[in-house]
Amino acid sequence: MADLTPTPDRPGLHVSKPSPNTPATGSAVCHCGATATATGDSQVKTLVEGYTANHGAAHNRTGR
């Protein structure tokens, strides 16, 4: 399986939760240089919401 972890050369968002009993993990890298990681279901949810609202495709909507 390919490594789906985002990097500065391949920005994006990656979330993993291998089983219902395992805490979620997430990482994000934006083309603007911002990076973040999170562990735990609620922290990963917050990471996804923040990335979606402020990075990635959000830059295309605001022109930043």
PDB file of N, CA and C in Angstrom:
ATOM      1  N   MET A   1       0.840  -1.174   0.000  1.00  0.00           N
ATOM      2  CA  MET A   1       0.000   0.000   0.000  1.00  0.00           C
ATOM      3  C   MET A   1       0.889   1.243   0.000  1.00  0.00           C
ATOM      4  N   ALA A   2       0.498   2.239  -0.723  1.00  0.00           N
ATOM      5  CA  ALA A   2       1.258   3.479  -0.823  1.00  0.00           C
ATOM      6  C   ALA A   2       1.181   4.268   0.484  1.00  0.00           C
ATOM      7  N   ASP A   3       2.232   5.009   0.774  1.00  0.00           N
ATOM      8  CA  ASP A   3       2.244   5.880   1.944  1.00  0.00           C
ATOM      9  C   ASP A   3       1.396   7.107   1.621  1.00  0.00           C
ATOM     10  N   LEU A   4       0.343   7.309   2.381  1.00  0.00           N
ATOM     11  CA  LEU A   4      -0.578   8.407   2.125  1.00  0.00           C
ATOM     12  C   LEU A   4      -0.345   9.614   3.022  1.00  0.00           C
ATOM     13  N   THR A   5       0.730   9.583   3.812  1.00  0.00           N
ATOM     14  CA  THR A   5       1.038  10.693   4.702  1.00  0.00           C
ATOM     15  C   THR A   5       1.382  11.928   3.883  1.00  0.00           C
ATOM     16  N   PRO A   6       0.736  13.065   4.158  1.00  0.00           N
ATOM     17  CA  PRO A   6       1.035  14.273   3.389  1.00  0.00           C
ATOM     18  C   PRO A   6       2.449  14.788   3.678  1.00  0.00           C
ATOM     19  N   THR A   7       3.049  15.404   2.681  1.00  0.00           N
ATOM     20  CA  THR A   7       4.378  16.000   2.786  1.00  0.00           C
ATOM     21  C   THR A   7       4.336  17.374   2.123  1.00  0.00           C
ATOM     22  N   PRO A   8       5.366  18.196   2.298  1.00  0.00           N
ATOM     23  CA  PRO A   8       5.377  19.484   1.591  1.00  0.00           C
ATOM     24  C   PRO A   8       5.278  19.323   0.069  1.00  0.00           C
ATOM     25  N   ASP A   9       5.817  18.224  -0.459  1.00  0.00           N
ATOM     26  CA  ASP A   9       5.721  17.988  -1.901  1.00  0.00           C
ATOM     27  C   ASP A   9       4.359  17.420  -2.308  1.00  0.00           C
ATOM     28  N   ARG A  10       3.660  16.797  -1.350  1.00  0.00           N
ATOM     29  CA  ARG A  10       2.324  16.231  -1.585  1.00  0.00           C
ATOM     30  C   ARG A  10       1.400  16.666  -0.451  1.00  0.00           C
ATOM     31  N   PRO A  11       0.984  17.942  -0.440  1.00  0.00           N
ATOM     32  CA  PRO A  11       0.147  18.421   0.654  1.00  0.00           C
ATOM     33  C   PRO A  11      -1.206  17.714   0.670  1.00  0.00           C
ATOM     34  N   GLY A  12      -1.815  17.697   1.833  1.00  0.00           N
ATOM     35  CA  GLY A  12      -3.132  17.098   1.959  1.00  0.00           C
ATOM     36  C   GLY A  12      -3.437  16.744   3.398  1.00  0.00           C
ATOM     37  N   LEU A  13      -4.447  15.926   3.555  1.00  0.00           N
ATOM     38  CA  LEU A  13      -4.936  15.524   4.863  1.00  0.00           C
ATOM     39  C   LEU A  13      -5.031  14.008   4.882  1.00  0.00           C
ATOM     40  N   HIS A  14      -4.534  13.384   5.947  1.00  0.00           N
ATOM     41  CA  HIS A  14      -4.614  11.924   6.075  1.00  0.00           C
ATOM     42  C   HIS A  14      -5.129  11.577   7.459  1.00  0.00           C
ATOM     43  N   VAL A  15      -6.161  10.727   7.511  1.00  0.00           N
ATOM     44  CA  VAL A  15      -6.740  10.268   8.769  1.00  0.00           C
ATOM     45  C   VAL A  15      -6.742   8.757   8.762  1.00  0.00           C
ATOM     46  N   SER A  16      -6.419   8.165   9.909  1.00  0.00           N
ATOM     47  CA  SER A  16      -6.402   6.709  10.029  1.00  0.00           C
ATOM     48  C   SER A  16      -7.086   6.304  11.326  1.00  0.00           C
ATOM     49  N   LYS A  17      -7.896   5.267  11.252  1.00  0.00           N
ATOM     50  CA  LYS A  17      -8.523   4.663  12.430  1.00  0.00           C
ATOM     51  C   LYS A  17      -8.678   3.181  12.112  1.00  0.00           C
ATOM     52  N   PRO A  18      -7.615   2.405  12.376  1.00  0.00           N
ATOM     53  CA  PRO A  18      -7.595   1.009  11.952  1.00  0.00           C
ATOM     54  C   PRO A  18      -8.700   0.133  12.533  1.00  0.00           C
ATOM     55  N   SER A  19      -9.190   0.475  13.731  1.00  0.00           N
ATOM     56  CA  SER A  19     -10.270  -0.313  14.315  1.00  0.00           C
ATOM     57  C   SER A  19     -11.089   0.582  15.239  1.00  0.00           C
ATOM     58  N   PRO A  20     -12.299   0.163  15.568  1.00  0.00           N
ATOM     59  CA  PRO A  20     -13.140   0.982  16.450  1.00  0.00           C
ATOM     60  C   PRO A  20     -12.521   1.218  17.832  1.00  0.00           C
ATOM     61  N   ASN A  21     -11.629   0.337  18.269  1.00  0.00           N
ATOM     62  CA  ASN A  21     -11.027   0.463  19.588  1.00  0.00           C
ATOM     63  C   ASN A  21      -9.694   1.206  19.584  1.00  0.00           C
ATOM     64  N   THR A  22      -9.242   1.637  18.426  1.00  0.00           N
ATOM     65  CA  THR A  22      -7.974   2.347  18.293  1.00  0.00           C
ATOM     66  C   THR A  22      -8.257   3.834  18.113  1.00  0.00           C
ATOM     67  N   PRO A  23      -7.512   4.704  18.801  1.00  0.00           N
ATOM     68  CA  PRO A  23      -7.734   6.137  18.586  1.00  0.00           C
ATOM     69  C   PRO A  23      -7.340   6.540  17.169  1.00  0.00           C
ATOM     70  N   ALA A  24      -8.076   7.470  16.628  1.00  0.00           N
ATOM     71  CA  ALA A  24      -7.765   8.003  15.305  1.00  0.00           C
ATOM     72  C   ALA A  24      -6.466   8.790  15.357  1.00  0.00           C
ATOM     73  N   THR A  25      -5.753   8.834  14.233  1.00  0.00           N
ATOM     74  CA  THR A  25      -4.588   9.702  14.072  1.00  0.00           C
ATOM     75  C   THR A  25      -4.775  10.485  12.784  1.00  0.00           C
ATOM     76  N   GLY A  26      -4.223  11.671  12.743  1.00  0.00           N
ATOM     77  CA  GLY A  26      -4.348  12.487  11.549  1.00  0.00           C
ATOM     78  C   GLY A  26      -3.142  13.378  11.367  1.00  0.00           C
ATOM     79  N   SER A  27      -2.864  13.702  10.122  1.00  0.00           N
ATOM     80  CA  SER A  27      -1.808  14.650   9.802  1.00  0.00           C
ATOM     81  C   SER A  27      -2.249  15.480   8.612  1.00  0.00           C
ATOM     82  N   ALA A  28      -1.790  16.713   8.597  1.00  0.00           N
ATOM     83  CA  ALA A  28      -2.144  17.634   7.525  1.00  0.00           C
ATOM     84  C   ALA A  28      -0.943  18.477   7.167  1.00  0.00           C
ATOM     85  N   VAL A  29      -0.771  18.714   5.878  1.00  0.00           N
ATOM     86  CA  VAL A  29       0.248  19.616   5.363  1.00  0.00           C
ATOM     87  C   VAL A  29      -0.419  20.439   4.277  1.00  0.00           C
ATOM     88  N   CYS A  30      -0.298  21.748   4.379  1.00  0.00           N
ATOM     89  CA  CYS A  30      -0.887  22.646   3.385  1.00  0.00           C
ATOM     90  C   CYS A  30       0.211  23.196   2.481  1.00  0.00           C
ATOM     91  N   HIS A  31      -0.158  23.555   1.270  1.00  0.00           N
ATOM     92  CA  HIS A  31       0.833  24.129   0.356  1.00  0.00           C
ATOM     93  C   HIS A  31       1.340  25.484   0.835  1.00  0.00           C
ATOM     94  N   CYS A  32       0.665  26.106   1.824  1.00  0.00           N
ATOM     95  CA  CYS A  32       1.129  27.380   2.377  1.00  0.00           C
ATOM     96  C   CYS A  32       2.231  27.167   3.417  1.00  0.00           C
ATOM     97  N   GLY A  33       2.489  25.886   3.782  1.00  0.00           N
ATOM     98  CA  GLY A  33       3.535  25.582   4.736  1.00  0.00           C
ATOM     99  C   GLY A  33       3.026  25.159   6.111  1.00  0.00           C
ATOM    100  N   ALA A  34       1.744  25.327   6.380  1.00  0.00           N
ATOM    101  CA  ALA A  34       1.183  24.923   7.671  1.00  0.00           C
ATOM    102  C   ALA A  34       1.170  23.399   7.787  1.00  0.00           C
ATOM    103  N   THR A  35       1.489  22.899   8.990  1.00  0.00           N
ATOM    104  CA  THR A  35       1.443  21.464   9.251  1.00  0.00           C
ATOM    105  C   THR A  35       0.782  21.231  10.604  1.00  0.00           C
ATOM    106  N   ALA A  36       0.178  20.058  10.764  1.00  0.00           N
ATOM    107  CA  ALA A  36      -0.446  19.710  12.036  1.00  0.00           C
ATOM    108  C   ALA A  36      -0.602  18.207  12.130  1.00  0.00           C
ATOM    109  N   THR A  37      -0.597  17.705  13.357  1.00  0.00           N
ATOM    110  CA  THR A  37      -0.884  16.294  13.612  1.00  0.00           C
ATOM    111  C   THR A  37      -1.824  16.225  14.804  1.00  0.00           C
ATOM    112  N   ALA A  38      -2.543  15.110  14.899  1.00  0.00           N
ATOM    113  CA  ALA A  38      -3.467  14.921  16.017  1.00  0.00           C
ATOM    114  C   ALA A  38      -3.608  13.441  16.315  1.00  0.00           C
ATOM    115  N   THR A  39      -3.862  13.144  17.580  1.00  0.00           N
ATOM    116  CA  THR A  39      -4.130  11.777  18.019  1.00  0.00           C
ATOM    117  C   THR A  39      -5.360  11.808  18.913  1.00  0.00           C
ATOM    118  N   GLY A  40      -6.272  10.886  18.678  1.00  0.00           N
ATOM    119  CA  GLY A  40      -7.523  10.831  19.431  1.00  0.00           C
ATOM    120  C   GLY A  40      -8.663  11.314  18.563  1.00  0.00           C
ATOM    121  N   ASP A  41      -9.806  10.674  18.726  1.00  0.00           N
ATOM    122  CA  ASP A  41     -10.932  10.957  17.845  1.00  0.00           C
ATOM    123  C   ASP A  41     -11.345  12.433  17.838  1.00  0.00           C
ATOM    124  N   SER A  42     -11.486  13.044  18.990  1.00  0.00           N
ATOM    125  CA  SER A  42     -11.945  14.434  19.014  1.00  0.00           C
ATOM    126  C   SER A  42     -10.879  15.388  18.488  1.00  0.00           C
ATOM    127  N   GLN A  43      -9.601  15.116  18.768  1.00  0.00           N
ATOM    128  CA  GLN A  43      -8.534  15.979  18.253  1.00  0.00           C
ATOM    129  C   GLN A  43      -8.429  15.870  16.732  1.00  0.00           C
ATOM    130  N   VAL A  44      -8.603  14.666  16.210  1.00  0.00           N
ATOM    131  CA  VAL A  44      -8.546  14.486  14.758  1.00  0.00           C
ATOM    132  C   VAL A  44      -9.739  15.179  14.094  1.00  0.00           C
ATOM    133  N   LYS A  45     -10.893  15.104  14.723  1.00  0.00           N
ATOM    134  CA  LYS A  45     -12.071  15.811  14.187  1.00  0.00           C
ATOM    135  C   LYS A  45     -11.787  17.310  14.108  1.00  0.00           C
ATOM    136  N   THR A  46     -11.181  17.856  15.149  1.00  0.00           N
ATOM    137  CA  THR A  46     -10.830  19.274  15.164  1.00  0.00           C
ATOM    138  C   THR A  46      -9.802  19.595  14.081  1.00  0.00           C
ATOM    139  N   LEU A  47      -8.816  18.721  13.900  1.00  0.00           N
ATOM    140  CA  LEU A  47      -7.816  18.908  12.850  1.00  0.00           C
ATOM    141  C   LEU A  47      -8.481  18.960  11.477  1.00  0.00           C
ATOM    142  N   VAL A  48      -9.368  18.028  11.196  1.00  0.00           N
ATOM    143  CA  VAL A  48     -10.052  17.975   9.895  1.00  0.00           C
ATOM    144  C   VAL A  48     -10.887  19.243   9.686  1.00  0.00           C
ATOM    145  N   GLU A  49     -11.626  19.644  10.698  1.00  0.00           N
ATOM    146  CA  GLU A  49     -12.449  20.853  10.570  1.00  0.00           C
ATOM    147  C   GLU A  49     -11.590  22.085  10.321  1.00  0.00           C
ATOM    148  N   GLY A  50     -10.479  22.221  11.046  1.00  0.00           N
ATOM    149  CA  GLY A  50      -9.596  23.369  10.864  1.00  0.00           C
ATOM    150  C   GLY A  50      -8.931  23.382   9.506  1.00  0.00           C
ATOM    151  N   TYR A  51      -8.467  22.210   9.063  1.00  0.00           N
ATOM    152  CA  TYR A  51      -7.823  22.127   7.755  1.00  0.00           C
ATOM    153  C   TYR A  51      -8.823  22.460   6.646  1.00  0.00           C
ATOM    154  N   THR A  52     -10.019  21.903   6.762  1.00  0.00           N
ATOM    155  CA  THR A  52     -11.041  22.135   5.744  1.00  0.00           C
ATOM    156  C   THR A  52     -11.440  23.608   5.676  1.00  0.00           C
ATOM    157  N   ALA A  53     -11.558  24.245   6.824  1.00  0.00           N
ATOM    158  CA  ALA A  53     -11.989  25.644   6.863  1.00  0.00           C
ATOM    159  C   ALA A  53     -10.897  26.626   6.479  1.00  0.00           C
ATOM    160  N   ASN A  54      -9.625  26.299   6.753  1.00  0.00           N
ATOM    161  CA  ASN A  54      -8.561  27.295   6.626  1.00  0.00           C
ATOM    162  C   ASN A  54      -7.426  26.954   5.682  1.00  0.00           C
ATOM    163  N   HIS A  55      -7.359  25.724   5.207  1.00  0.00           N
ATOM    164  CA  HIS A  55      -6.242  25.300   4.364  1.00  0.00           C
ATOM    165  C   HIS A  55      -6.752  24.466   3.205  1.00  0.00           C
ATOM    166  N   GLY A  56      -5.837  23.890   2.451  1.00  0.00           N
ATOM    167  CA  GLY A  56      -6.234  23.046   1.327  1.00  0.00           C
ATOM    168  C   GLY A  56      -7.107  23.799   0.347  1.00  0.00           C
ATOM    169  N   ALA A  57      -8.262  23.260   0.113  1.00  0.00           N
ATOM    170  CA  ALA A  57      -9.183  23.881  -0.860  1.00  0.00           C
ATOM    171  C   ALA A  57      -9.669  25.266  -0.425  1.00  0.00           C
ATOM    172  N   ALA A  58      -9.644  25.564   0.876  1.00  0.00           N
ATOM    173  CA  ALA A  58     -10.072  26.876   1.348  1.00  0.00           C
ATOM    174  C   ALA A  58      -9.240  27.996   0.748  1.00  0.00           C
ATOM    175  N   HIS A  59      -7.963  27.730   0.467  1.00  0.00           N
ATOM    176  CA  HIS A  59      -7.120  28.740  -0.161  1.00  0.00           C
ATOM    177  C   HIS A  59      -7.633  29.094  -1.551  1.00  0.00           C
ATOM    178  N   ASN A  60      -8.188  28.136  -2.248  1.00  0.00           N
ATOM    179  CA  ASN A  60      -8.730  28.406  -3.581  1.00  0.00           C
ATOM    180  C   ASN A  60      -9.970  29.280  -3.516  1.00  0.00           C
ATOM    181  N   ARG A  61     -10.759  29.158  -2.433  1.00  0.00           N
ATOM    182  CA  ARG A  61     -11.972  29.965  -2.309  1.00  0.00           C
ATOM    183  C   ARG A  61     -11.664  31.412  -1.960  1.00  0.00           C
ATOM    184  N   THR A  62     -10.591  31.629  -1.184  1.00  0.00           N
ATOM    185  CA  THR A  62     -10.302  32.991  -0.722  1.00  0.00           C
ATOM    186  C   THR A  62      -9.161  33.647  -1.482  1.00  0.00           C
ATOM    187  N   GLY A  63      -8.446  32.888  -2.292  1.00  0.00           N
ATOM    188  CA  GLY A  63      -7.345  33.460  -3.043  1.00  0.00           C
ATOM    189  C   GLY A  63      -6.069  33.617  -2.243  1.00  0.00           C
ATOM    190  N   ARG A  64      -6.020  33.097  -1.002  1.00  0.00           N
ATOM    191  CA  ARG A  64      -4.807  33.232  -0.197  1.00  0.00           C
ATOM    192  C   ARG A  64      -3.796  32.207  -0.591  1.00  0.00           C
TER     193      ARG A  64
END
